[in-house]
Amino acid sequence: MTLEEEREFRQKVIETILPVAMNMTEDQIRSIIQNVEKSNENLPTGFGAMLFQQIIVHKYNKLNK
């Protein structure tokens, strides 16, 4: 990913996923990501782990403010 793509990805996570994830446990988030990975074979290897990491970082940063 280019730096611009990374910024866009992070912004989309904040805008679309984070509002829902704020009320979920880490296990619930992980479970949804795993289900999506299973049903979408075209996702690159490691995408789910990267997405989970971004969600958790943003979630706890927001909670600590």
PDB file of N, CA and C in Angstrom:
ATOM      1  N   MET A   1       0.835  -1.188   0.000  1.00  0.00           N
ATOM      2  CA  MET A   1       0.000   0.000   0.000  1.00  0.00           C
ATOM      3  C   MET A   1       0.872   1.242   0.000  1.00  0.00           C
ATOM      4  N   THR A   2       0.428   2.239  -0.716  1.00  0.00           N
ATOM      5  CA  THR A   2       1.123   3.522  -0.665  1.00  0.00           C
ATOM      6  C   THR A   2       0.703   4.250   0.609  1.00  0.00           C
ATOM      7  N   LEU A   3       1.408   5.304   0.939  1.00  0.00           N
ATOM      8  CA  LEU A   3       1.059   6.081   2.136  1.00  0.00           C
ATOM      9  C   LEU A   3      -0.343   6.661   2.023  1.00  0.00           C
ATOM     10  N   GLU A   4      -0.697   7.115   0.823  1.00  0.00           N
ATOM     11  CA  GLU A   4      -2.034   7.669   0.616  1.00  0.00           C
ATOM     12  C   GLU A   4      -3.103   6.589   0.810  1.00  0.00           C
ATOM     13  N   GLU A   5      -2.862   5.401   0.317  1.00  0.00           N
ATOM     14  CA  GLU A   5      -3.806   4.295   0.486  1.00  0.00           C
ATOM     15  C   GLU A   5      -3.947   3.911   1.948  1.00  0.00           C
ATOM     16  N   GLU A   6      -2.842   3.937   2.678  1.00  0.00           N
ATOM     17  CA  GLU A   6      -2.888   3.639   4.112  1.00  0.00           C
ATOM     18  C   GLU A   6      -3.727   4.674   4.854  1.00  0.00           C
ATOM     19  N   ARG A   7      -3.545   5.937   4.525  1.00  0.00           N
ATOM     20  CA  ARG A   7      -4.331   7.000   5.159  1.00  0.00           C
ATOM     21  C   ARG A   7      -5.815   6.829   4.862  1.00  0.00           C
ATOM     22  N   GLU A   8      -6.130   6.528   3.615  1.00  0.00           N
ATOM     23  CA  GLU A   8      -7.522   6.312   3.241  1.00  0.00           C
ATOM     24  C   GLU A   8      -8.109   5.115   3.974  1.00  0.00           C
ATOM     25  N   PHE A   9      -7.328   4.035   4.082  1.00  0.00           N
ATOM     26  CA  PHE A   9      -7.769   2.830   4.780  1.00  0.00           C
ATOM     27  C   PHE A   9      -8.080   3.151   6.240  1.00  0.00           C
ATOM     28  N   ARG A  10      -7.162   3.837   6.903  1.00  0.00           N
ATOM     29  CA  ARG A  10      -7.373   4.195   8.311  1.00  0.00           C
ATOM     30  C   ARG A  10      -8.609   5.072   8.475  1.00  0.00           C
ATOM     31  N   GLN A  11      -8.781   6.017   7.578  1.00  0.00           N
ATOM     32  CA  GLN A  11      -9.935   6.908   7.661  1.00  0.00           C
ATOM     33  C   GLN A  11     -11.236   6.137   7.476  1.00  0.00           C
ATOM     34  N   LYS A  12     -11.266   5.190   6.555  1.00  0.00           N
ATOM     35  CA  LYS A  12     -12.470   4.375   6.326  1.00  0.00           C
ATOM     36  C   LYS A  12     -12.774   3.516   7.551  1.00  0.00           C
ATOM     37  N   VAL A  13     -11.731   2.992   8.195  1.00  0.00           N
ATOM     38  CA  VAL A  13     -11.927   2.211   9.421  1.00  0.00           C
ATOM     39  C   VAL A  13     -12.578   3.093  10.480  1.00  0.00           C
ATOM     40  N   ILE A  14     -12.065   4.298  10.640  1.00  0.00           N
ATOM     41  CA  ILE A  14     -12.597   5.223  11.647  1.00  0.00           C
ATOM     42  C   ILE A  14     -14.047   5.592  11.336  1.00  0.00           C
ATOM     43  N   GLU A  15     -14.344   5.845  10.074  1.00  0.00           N
ATOM     44  CA  GLU A  15     -15.682   6.297   9.692  1.00  0.00           C
ATOM     45  C   GLU A  15     -16.724   5.182   9.693  1.00  0.00           C
ATOM     46  N   THR A  16     -16.339   3.986   9.265  1.00  0.00           N
ATOM     47  CA  THR A  16     -17.343   2.950   9.030  1.00  0.00           C
ATOM     48  C   THR A  16     -17.361   1.828  10.053  1.00  0.00           C
ATOM     49  N   ILE A  17     -16.214   1.387  10.484  1.00  0.00           N
ATOM     50  CA  ILE A  17     -16.141   0.209  11.364  1.00  0.00           C
ATOM     51  C   ILE A  17     -16.092   0.603  12.832  1.00  0.00           C
ATOM     52  N   LEU A  18     -15.343   1.626  13.147  1.00  0.00           N
ATOM     53  CA  LEU A  18     -15.136   2.000  14.552  1.00  0.00           C
ATOM     54  C   LEU A  18     -16.424   2.296  15.316  1.00  0.00           C
ATOM     55  N   PRO A  19     -17.395   2.994  14.730  1.00  0.00           N
ATOM     56  CA  PRO A  19     -18.626   3.242  15.502  1.00  0.00           C
ATOM     57  C   PRO A  19     -19.307   1.957  15.973  1.00  0.00           C
ATOM     58  N   VAL A  20     -19.257   0.924  15.172  1.00  0.00           N
ATOM     59  CA  VAL A  20     -19.850  -0.365  15.558  1.00  0.00           C
ATOM     60  C   VAL A  20     -18.933  -1.108  16.532  1.00  0.00           C
ATOM     61  N   ALA A  21     -17.645  -1.082  16.252  1.00  0.00           N
ATOM     62  CA  ALA A  21     -16.678  -1.825  17.058  1.00  0.00           C
ATOM     63  C   ALA A  21     -16.540  -1.284  18.478  1.00  0.00           C
ATOM     64  N   MET A  22     -16.903  -0.034  18.695  1.00  0.00           N
ATOM     65  CA  MET A  22     -16.783   0.556  20.028  1.00  0.00           C
ATOM     66  C   MET A  22     -17.625  -0.203  21.054  1.00  0.00           C
ATOM     67  N   ASN A  23     -18.698  -0.838  20.611  1.00  0.00           N
ATOM     68  CA  ASN A  23     -19.583  -1.560  21.520  1.00  0.00           C
ATOM     69  C   ASN A  23     -19.374  -3.072  21.472  1.00  0.00           C
ATOM     70  N   MET A  24     -18.260  -3.496  20.910  1.00  0.00           N
ATOM     71  CA  MET A  24     -17.989  -4.927  20.761  1.00  0.00           C
ATOM     72  C   MET A  24     -16.732  -5.300  21.541  1.00  0.00           C
ATOM     73  N   THR A  25     -16.652  -6.577  21.920  1.00  0.00           N
ATOM     74  CA  THR A  25     -15.438  -7.083  22.559  1.00  0.00           C
ATOM     75  C   THR A  25     -14.418  -7.440  21.484  1.00  0.00           C
ATOM     76  N   GLU A  26     -13.190  -7.608  21.895  1.00  0.00           N
ATOM     77  CA  GLU A  26     -12.144  -8.018  20.953  1.00  0.00           C
ATOM     78  C   GLU A  26     -12.494  -9.356  20.311  1.00  0.00           C
ATOM     79  N   ASP A  27     -13.038 -10.279  21.077  1.00  0.00           N
ATOM     80  CA  ASP A  27     -13.413 -11.587  20.531  1.00  0.00           C
ATOM     81  C   ASP A  27     -14.508 -11.465  19.477  1.00  0.00           C
ATOM     82  N   GLN A  28     -15.467 -10.588  19.700  1.00  0.00           N
ATOM     83  CA  GLN A  28     -16.532 -10.385  18.717  1.00  0.00           C
ATOM     84  C   GLN A  28     -15.972  -9.805  17.421  1.00  0.00           C
ATOM     85  N   ILE A  29     -15.087  -8.834  17.546  1.00  0.00           N
ATOM     86  CA  ILE A  29     -14.465  -8.222  16.373  1.00  0.00           C
ATOM     87  C   ILE A  29     -13.658  -9.264  15.609  1.00  0.00           C
ATOM     88  N   ARG A  30     -12.858 -10.017  16.334  1.00  0.00           N
ATOM     89  CA  ARG A  30     -12.018 -11.054  15.710  1.00  0.00           C
ATOM     90  C   ARG A  30     -12.881 -12.087  14.997  1.00  0.00           C
ATOM     91  N   SER A  31     -13.975 -12.479  15.610  1.00  0.00           N
ATOM     92  CA  SER A  31     -14.864 -13.480  15.023  1.00  0.00           C
ATOM     93  C   SER A  31     -15.469 -12.984  13.705  1.00  0.00           C
ATOM     94  N   ILE A  32     -15.902 -11.746  13.668  1.00  0.00           N
ATOM     95  CA  ILE A  32     -16.472 -11.189  12.438  1.00  0.00           C
ATOM     96  C   ILE A  32     -15.418 -11.142  11.339  1.00  0.00           C
ATOM     97  N   ILE A  33     -14.233 -10.703  11.679  1.00  0.00           N
ATOM     98  CA  ILE A  33     -13.155 -10.635  10.686  1.00  0.00           C
ATOM     99  C   ILE A  33     -12.842 -12.033  10.154  1.00  0.00           C
ATOM    100  N   GLN A  34     -12.787 -13.023  11.019  1.00  0.00           N
ATOM    101  CA  GLN A  34     -12.506 -14.386  10.575  1.00  0.00           C
ATOM    102  C   GLN A  34     -13.601 -14.901   9.650  1.00  0.00           C
ATOM    103  N   ASN A  35     -14.854 -14.604   9.953  1.00  0.00           N
ATOM    104  CA  ASN A  35     -15.961 -15.021   9.085  1.00  0.00           C
ATOM    105  C   ASN A  35     -15.872 -14.361   7.710  1.00  0.00           C
ATOM    106  N   VAL A  36     -15.512 -13.093   7.696  1.00  0.00           N
ATOM    107  CA  VAL A  36     -15.373 -12.379   6.423  1.00  0.00           C
ATOM    108  C   VAL A  36     -14.214 -12.965   5.616  1.00  0.00           C
ATOM    109  N   GLU A  37     -13.116 -13.273   6.285  1.00  0.00           N
ATOM    110  CA  GLU A  37     -11.971 -13.874   5.588  1.00  0.00           C
ATOM    111  C   GLU A  37     -12.341 -15.220   4.970  1.00  0.00           C
ATOM    112  N   LYS A  38     -13.096 -16.021   5.702  1.00  0.00           N
ATOM    113  CA  LYS A  38     -13.502 -17.330   5.197  1.00  0.00           C
ATOM    114  C   LYS A  38     -14.398 -17.219   3.970  1.00  0.00           C
ATOM    115  N   SER A  39     -15.235 -16.210   3.941  1.00  0.00           N
ATOM    116  CA  SER A  39     -16.174 -16.073   2.832  1.00  0.00           C
ATOM    117  C   SER A  39     -15.616 -15.255   1.666  1.00  0.00           C
ATOM    118  N   ASN A  40     -14.433 -14.688   1.825  1.00  0.00           N
ATOM    119  CA  ASN A  40     -13.799 -13.884   0.767  1.00  0.00           C
ATOM    120  C   ASN A  40     -12.374 -14.355   0.546  1.00  0.00           C
ATOM    121  N   GLU A  41     -12.220 -15.331  -0.300  1.00  0.00           N
ATOM    122  CA  GLU A  41     -10.902 -15.911  -0.551  1.00  0.00           C
ATOM    123  C   GLU A  41      -9.952 -14.952  -1.253  1.00  0.00           C
ATOM    124  N   ASN A  42     -10.473 -13.877  -1.827  1.00  0.00           N
ATOM    125  CA  ASN A  42      -9.640 -12.940  -2.574  1.00  0.00           C
ATOM    126  C   ASN A  42      -8.894 -11.940  -1.691  1.00  0.00           C
ATOM    127  N   LEU A  43      -9.191 -11.931  -0.413  1.00  0.00           N
ATOM    128  CA  LEU A  43      -8.492 -11.007   0.485  1.00  0.00           C
ATOM    129  C   LEU A  43      -7.030 -11.426   0.609  1.00  0.00           C
ATOM    130  N   PRO A  44      -6.121 -10.465   0.630  1.00  0.00           N
ATOM    131  CA  PRO A  44      -4.709 -10.800   0.762  1.00  0.00           C
ATOM    132  C   PRO A  44      -4.399 -11.418   2.128  1.00  0.00           C
ATOM    133  N   THR A  45      -3.403 -12.260   2.159  1.00  0.00           N
ATOM    134  CA  THR A  45      -2.965 -12.871   3.412  1.00  0.00           C
ATOM    135  C   THR A  45      -2.560 -11.774   4.387  1.00  0.00           C
ATOM    136  N   GLY A  46      -3.040 -11.873   5.595  1.00  0.00           N
ATOM    137  CA  GLY A  46      -2.700 -10.910   6.629  1.00  0.00           C
ATOM    138  C   GLY A  46      -3.639  -9.713   6.710  1.00  0.00           C
ATOM    139  N   PHE A  47      -4.592  -9.623   5.783  1.00  0.00           N
ATOM    140  CA  PHE A  47      -5.505  -8.477   5.796  1.00  0.00           C
ATOM    141  C   PHE A  47      -6.326  -8.441   7.078  1.00  0.00           C
ATOM    142  N   GLY A  48      -6.835  -9.590   7.495  1.00  0.00           N
ATOM    143  CA  GLY A  48      -7.654  -9.646   8.705  1.00  0.00           C
ATOM    144  C   GLY A  48      -6.886  -9.205   9.935  1.00  0.00           C
ATOM    145  N   ALA A  49      -5.639  -9.643  10.040  1.00  0.00           N
ATOM    146  CA  ALA A  49      -4.808  -9.259  11.182  1.00  0.00           C
ATOM    147  C   ALA A  49      -4.548  -7.754  11.175  1.00  0.00           C
ATOM    148  N   MET A  50      -4.286  -7.208   9.995  1.00  0.00           N
ATOM    149  CA  MET A  50      -4.040  -5.775   9.876  1.00  0.00           C
ATOM    150  C   MET A  50      -5.302  -4.990  10.242  1.00  0.00           C
ATOM    151  N   LEU A  51      -6.452  -5.448   9.756  1.00  0.00           N
ATOM    152  CA  LEU A  51      -7.707  -4.771  10.056  1.00  0.00           C
ATOM    153  C   LEU A  51      -8.008  -4.820  11.553  1.00  0.00           C
ATOM    154  N   PHE A  52      -7.824  -5.984  12.151  1.00  0.00           N
ATOM    155  CA  PHE A  52      -8.058  -6.127  13.592  1.00  0.00           C
ATOM    156  C   PHE A  52      -7.160  -5.169  14.374  1.00  0.00           C
ATOM    157  N   GLN A  53      -5.900  -5.113  13.998  1.00  0.00           N
ATOM    158  CA  GLN A  53      -4.958  -4.239  14.682  1.00  0.00           C
ATOM    159  C   GLN A  53      -5.395  -2.779  14.576  1.00  0.00           C
ATOM    160  N   GLN A  54      -5.795  -2.347  13.395  1.00  0.00           N
ATOM    161  CA  GLN A  54      -6.235  -0.964  13.202  1.00  0.00           C
ATOM    162  C   GLN A  54      -7.478  -0.651  14.041  1.00  0.00           C
ATOM    163  N   ILE A  55      -8.415  -1.574  14.054  1.00  0.00           N
ATOM    164  CA  ILE A  55      -9.638  -1.362  14.830  1.00  0.00           C
ATOM    165  C   ILE A  55      -9.314  -1.217  16.307  1.00  0.00           C
ATOM    166  N   ILE A  56      -8.507  -2.119  16.830  1.00  0.00           N
ATOM    167  CA  ILE A  56      -8.173  -2.104  18.258  1.00  0.00           C
ATOM    168  C   ILE A  56      -7.401  -0.842  18.629  1.00  0.00           C
ATOM    169  N   VAL A  57      -6.436  -0.452  17.807  1.00  0.00           N
ATOM    170  CA  VAL A  57      -5.660   0.758  18.086  1.00  0.00           C
ATOM    171  C   VAL A  57      -6.579   1.972  18.148  1.00  0.00           C
ATOM    172  N   HIS A  58      -7.428   2.119  17.143  1.00  0.00           N
ATOM    173  CA  HIS A  58      -8.332   3.270  17.120  1.00  0.00           C
ATOM    174  C   HIS A  58      -9.347   3.212  18.258  1.00  0.00           C
ATOM    175  N   LYS A  59      -9.836   2.020  18.549  1.00  0.00           N
ATOM    176  CA  LYS A  59     -10.829   1.869  19.617  1.00  0.00           C
ATOM    177  C   LYS A  59     -10.252   2.303  20.963  1.00  0.00           C
ATOM    178  N   TYR A  60      -9.071   1.804  21.295  1.00  0.00           N
ATOM    179  CA  TYR A  60      -8.514   2.131  22.609  1.00  0.00           C
ATOM    180  C   TYR A  60      -7.967   3.551  22.674  1.00  0.00           C
ATOM    181  N   ASN A  61      -7.523   4.081  21.552  1.00  0.00           N
ATOM    182  CA  ASN A  61      -7.125   5.489  21.531  1.00  0.00           C
ATOM    183  C   ASN A  61      -8.337   6.380  21.811  1.00  0.00           C
ATOM    184  N   LYS A  62      -9.463   6.023  21.224  1.00  0.00           N
ATOM    185  CA  LYS A  62     -10.684   6.810  21.424  1.00  0.00           C
ATOM    186  C   LYS A  62     -11.187   6.670  22.862  1.00  0.00           C
ATOM    187  N   LEU A  63     -11.082   5.478  23.433  1.00  0.00           N
ATOM    188  CA  LEU A  63     -11.544   5.249  24.798  1.00  0.00           C
ATOM    189  C   LEU A  63     -10.670   6.002  25.827  1.00  0.00           C
ATOM    190  N   ASN A  64      -9.401   6.167  25.514  1.00  0.00           N
ATOM    191  CA  ASN A  64      -8.476   6.807  26.447  1.00  0.00           C
ATOM    192  C   ASN A  64      -8.505   8.328  26.377  1.00  0.00           C
ATOM    193  N   LYS A  65      -9.270   8.884  25.464  1.00  0.00           N
ATOM    194  CA  LYS A  65      -9.350  10.350  25.356  1.00  0.00           C
ATOM    195  C   LYS A  65     -10.297  10.920  26.363  1.00  0.00           C
TER     196      LYS A  65
END
